[in-house]
Amino acid sequence: MVVEGLGLVIAAGVFTAIVCGFGTLPFFFVDDVSDRVTVVLWGLAGGIMLFASVFGFVVEGLAEGSIAQVGLGLVVGVVLVVLADRLIAGHEFRPRQIPDADFRKLVLIVGVLTVHSFPEGVALGVAFADLGVEGDLVLAGLAIPALAVFITIAISIQNIPEGLAVAIPLHTYGLANWKIFGWAVFSSVPQPIGAAIAYVFVTIARDFLPLGFGFAAGAMIYLVLHDIFPEALDHGSELPGRGRRELVIGISLGVAIMVPVMLLTE
């Protein structure tokens, strides 16, 4: 069952990675994307991930185990992402500094986003833990759990602004659009890798499933609060209210999108 399900999990991870490339598509038609739209998109991504973390992973984790197990997973998820941030400490970037950046700096930006995509892959893999056990949707002879569908949709949608984040500096540097698309997809390659590792682990060691749910939630919540929302406000620094209104609009849209998705996948 693990081997059969692994292919489907990797396919889901590859799909979410490809969707990241969709964030570069605006530059195939226009030369610039307004800060207002960018802030809304980042808010959309953050709202989706927060909603999925709380109503997806935390709720499922509590259904599978105790508050202590889920809480420990949350802490571990945050700590590991903090450690990943420490590895790239000193390499933070501001979008408005990009015109003066060199190619090495641009590659580093893609690298930062690549490091951050691994926890999202782990979250995806954990969501598939009950693959073949329960689920109304049947694919390749396997029952797909509702949580897996929910999280796959959530990560796919939130990958679009991440693709845009890759596209903006690379477009400024003058790379061809198809190369920018490729870099965006490449930045999400850790997602199918992380998904495969997490899926195998929680499938073999079922006792760690509540911990895995907590880990996925903690990692994503930290990424939203520490990276996504500050990134949105950085793009909105020259807007009225410094982009806070656009951020709230984006968050609200994200939640509005995920509520019916959650109801449809229950």
Foldseek 3Di string as FASTA:
>chain_A
DLVVVLVVLLVLLLLLLLLLLVLLVVVVPDLDDALLVLLLLLLLLLLLLLCCLVVQLLVVLVVQDPPVLLQLLLVVLQVVVVVLCVVCPPLDDFLVCLLVDDVVNLVVQLVSLLSLLLLLLLLLLLQQQCWQPDAPDADPNIHGALSNVLSSVSSSSSSSSVLNVSNSSVVSVPDDSVVSSVSSSVSNSSNSVSNSVNNVVCNVVVVSSSSSSSSSSNNSNCCSVPPSNVNSLSSQCPPVVSNPVSSVNSSVVNNVVSVVSSVVSD
